[in-house]
C-alpha atoms as a PDB file:
ATOM      1  CA  LEU A   1      83.225 114.481 118.501  1.00  0.00           C
ATOM      2  CA  TYR A   2      82.823 117.030 121.294  1.00  0.00           C
ATOM      3  CA  ARG A   3      84.151 114.614 123.912  1.00  0.00           C
ATOM      4  CA  CYS A   4      87.075 113.577 121.717  1.00  0.00           C
ATOM      5  CA  SER A   5      88.191 117.201 121.459  1.00  0.00           C
ATOM      6  CA  TYR A   6      89.065 116.926 125.189  1.00  0.00           C
ATOM      7  CA  ASP A   7      90.932 113.615 124.973  1.00  0.00           C
ATOM      8  CA  PRO A   8      94.046 113.308 127.186  1.00  0.00           C
ATOM      9  CA  ASN A   9      96.065 112.568 124.033  1.00  0.00           C
ATOM     10  CA  SER A  10      96.834 116.091 122.820  1.00  0.00           C
ATOM     11  CA  ARG A  11      97.271 115.061 119.179  1.00  0.00           C
ATOM     12  CA  LEU A  12      93.871 113.393 119.063  1.00  0.00           C
ATOM     13  CA  ALA A  13      92.275 116.307 120.919  1.00  0.00           C
ATOM     14  CA  GLN A  14      93.751 118.821 118.475  1.00  0.00           C
ATOM     15  CA  ALA A  15      92.586 116.831 115.446  1.00  0.00           C
ATOM     16  CA  MET A  16      89.050 116.519 116.796  1.00  0.00           C
ATOM     17  CA  ASN A  17      89.015 120.195 117.769  1.00  0.00           C
ATOM     18  CA  ASP A  18      89.955 121.134 114.205  1.00  0.00           C
ATOM     19  CA  VAL A  19      87.129 118.982 112.830  1.00  0.00           C
ATOM     20  CA  LEU A  20      84.665 120.510 115.290  1.00  0.00           C
ATOM     21  CA  LYS A  21      85.722 124.044 114.336  1.00  0.00           C
ATOM     22  CA  ALA A  22      85.319 123.192 110.659  1.00  0.00           C
ATOM     23  CA  LEU A  23      81.775 121.939 111.245  1.00  0.00           C
ATOM     24  CA  LEU A  24      80.597 124.724 113.551  1.00  0.00           C
ATOM     25  CA  SER A  25      80.929 128.448 113.010  1.00  0.00           C
ATOM     26  CA  GLU A  26      81.167 129.174 116.743  1.00  0.00           C
ATOM     27  CA  LYS A  27      80.951 127.354 120.055  1.00  0.00           C
ATOM     28  CA  ARG A  28      77.378 128.527 120.672  1.00  0.00           C
ATOM     29  CA  SER A  29      76.357 126.466 117.644  1.00  0.00           C
ATOM     30  CA  LEU A  30      76.300 123.510 120.049  1.00  0.00           C
ATOM     31  CA  ASP A  31      73.272 124.927 121.904  1.00  0.00           C
ATOM     32  CA  PRO A  32      70.658 122.920 119.964  1.00  0.00           C
ATOM     33  CA  TYR A  33      72.553 119.721 120.829  1.00  0.00           C
ATOM     34  CA  TRP A  34      73.256 120.592 124.478  1.00  0.00           C
ATOM     35  CA  ASP A  35      70.867 118.039 126.016  1.00  0.00           C
ATOM     36  CA  GLY A  36      72.303 115.212 123.928  1.00  0.00           C
ATOM     37  CA  ILE A  37      75.869 116.289 124.672  1.00  0.00           C
ATOM     38  CA  VAL A  38      75.256 116.330 128.432  1.00  0.00           C
ATOM     39  CA  ALA A  39      73.570 112.926 128.274  1.00  0.00           C
ATOM     40  CA  GLU A  40      76.516 111.482 126.357  1.00  0.00           C
ATOM     41  CA  LEU A  41      79.101 113.055 128.683  1.00  0.00           C
ATOM     42  CA  THR A  42      77.418 111.882 131.873  1.00  0.00           C
ATOM     43  CA  GLU A  43      77.095 108.394 130.417  1.00  0.00           C
ATOM     44  CA  GLY A  44      80.783 108.464 129.437  1.00  0.00           C
ATOM     45  CA  MET A  45      81.749 109.365 132.993  1.00  0.00           C
ATOM     46  CA  GLY A  46      80.810 105.799 133.889  1.00  0.00           C
ATOM     47  CA  SER A  47      82.912 104.257 131.132  1.00  0.00           C
ATOM     48  CA  ARG A  48      85.435 101.517 131.853  1.00  0.00           C
ATOM     49  CA  GLN A  49      88.119 103.442 129.948  1.00  0.00           C
ATOM     50  CA  TRP A  50      89.917 106.092 132.003  1.00  0.00           C
ATOM     51  CA  ARG A  51      90.533 108.254 128.917  1.00  0.00           C
ATOM     52  CA  VAL A  52      86.811 108.496 128.241  1.00  0.00           C
ATOM     53  CA  ARG A  53      86.030 109.359 131.875  1.00  0.00           C
ATOM     54  CA  GLN A  54      88.727 112.047 131.946  1.00  0.00           C
ATOM     55  CA  ALA A  55      87.686 113.531 128.590  1.00  0.00           C
ATOM     56  CA  CYS A  56      84.026 113.631 129.665  1.00  0.00           C
ATOM     57  CA  CYS A  57      84.887 115.543 132.834  1.00  0.00           C
ATOM     58  CA  ALA A  58      87.018 118.056 130.932  1.00  0.00           C
ATOM     59  CA  ALA A  59      84.387 118.496 128.219  1.00  0.00           C
ATOM     60  CA  LEU A  60      81.613 118.944 130.763  1.00  0.00           C
ATOM     61  CA  ALA A  61      83.623 121.489 132.750  1.00  0.00           C
ATOM     62  CA  ASP A  62      84.192 123.556 129.619  1.00  0.00           C
ATOM     63  CA  GLY A  63      80.645 123.093 128.367  1.00  0.00           C
ATOM     64  CA  LEU A  64      79.065 124.216 131.635  1.00  0.00           C
ATOM     65  CA  SER A  65      80.957 127.493 131.752  1.00  0.00           C
ATOM     66  CA  GLY A  66      78.877 130.308 130.370  1.00  0.00           C
ATOM     67  CA  ARG A  67      75.624 128.349 130.423  1.00  0.00           C
ATOM     68  CA  SER A  68      72.539 129.771 132.076  1.00  0.00           C
ATOM     69  CA  PHE A  69      71.037 128.023 135.072  1.00  0.00           C
ATOM     70  CA  GLU A  70      67.960 127.169 133.007  1.00  0.00           C
ATOM     71  CA  GLN A  71      70.100 125.245 130.539  1.00  0.00           C
ATOM     72  CA  ILE A  72      71.714 123.061 133.187  1.00  0.00           C
ATOM     73  CA  THR A  73      69.031 122.725 135.841  1.00  0.00           C
ATOM     74  CA  THR A  74      67.416 119.654 134.264  1.00  0.00           C
ATOM     75  CA  HIS A  75      70.776 117.865 134.213  1.00  0.00           C
ATOM     76  CA  LEU A  76      72.170 118.817 137.623  1.00  0.00           C
ATOM     77  CA  GLU A  77      71.142 115.687 139.495  1.00  0.00           C
ATOM     78  CA  ARG A  78      72.711 113.334 136.947  1.00  0.00           C
ATOM     79  CA  ILE A  79      75.834 115.521 136.588  1.00  0.00           C
ATOM     80  CA  TYR A  80      76.546 115.593 140.315  1.00  0.00           C
ATOM     81  CA  TYR A  81      75.737 111.912 140.755  1.00  0.00           C
ATOM     82  CA  MET A  82      78.313 110.981 138.115  1.00  0.00           C
ATOM     83  CA  LEU A  83      80.826 113.587 139.293  1.00  0.00           C
ATOM     84  CA  PHE A  84      80.826 112.178 142.825  1.00  0.00           C
ATOM     85  CA  ARG A  85      81.458 108.722 141.383  1.00  0.00           C
ATOM     86  CA  VAL A  86      84.334 109.933 139.230  1.00  0.00           C
ATOM     87  CA  ILE A  87      85.899 112.038 142.006  1.00  0.00           C
ATOM     88  CA  ASP A  88      86.527 108.717 143.765  1.00  0.00           C
ATOM     89  CA  ASP A  89      88.223 107.268 140.663  1.00  0.00           C
ATOM     90  CA  ILE A  90      91.256 105.010 141.039  1.00  0.00           C
ATOM     91  CA  LYS A  91      93.127 106.994 138.357  1.00  0.00           C
ATOM     92  CA  GLU A  92      94.374 110.239 139.874  1.00  0.00           C
ATOM     93  CA  SER A  93      94.207 112.330 136.691  1.00  0.00           C
ATOM     94  CA  VAL A  94      90.540 111.400 136.241  1.00  0.00           C
ATOM     95  CA  ALA A  95      89.718 112.285 139.849  1.00  0.00           C
ATOM     96  CA  LEU A  96      91.498 115.643 139.518  1.00  0.00           C
ATOM     97  CA  GLU A  97      89.613 116.456 136.321  1.00  0.00           C
ATOM     98  CA  ALA A  98      86.325 115.598 138.068  1.00  0.00           C
ATOM     99  CA  LEU A  99      87.247 117.909 140.943  1.00  0.00           C
ATOM    100  CA  LYS A 100      87.889 120.739 138.492  1.00  0.00           C
ATOM    101  CA  CYS A 101      84.537 120.084 136.860  1.00  0.00           C
ATOM    102  CA  SER A 102      82.676 120.074 140.173  1.00  0.00           C
ATOM    103  CA  LYS A 103      83.878 123.607 140.935  1.00  0.00           C
END
C-alpha cells in the first residue's frame, strides 16, 4: 500500500494515498512497520516491472527523509546495494528516481 502510493500512474498513486491516509492518523504511524516497509521496498527495487522499481525508489526517498540514523543504519547496506543497481537501470525515469533517492 505504501509503495503503491508512489506509483508513476498519478491516479493510482492518489487512490492509494487516500486509502493510506484513511488507515493512518499521521505519517509517523508507519514507524512500527518501518523495517518491513524497507525490506519490501528494497526487494521491489529488483522487480522486473519498471513501475515497481520506480515507485520503490520514490517511496524510499520519501520514507528516509526525517528518519534518525539509528532507524536506517541496519538497512543501509541493502539500500545502497539496490540503489546502485537501479541507478544503472535501462529505463531513464527509474534511474533518475534512484539518483534522487541516493541523495
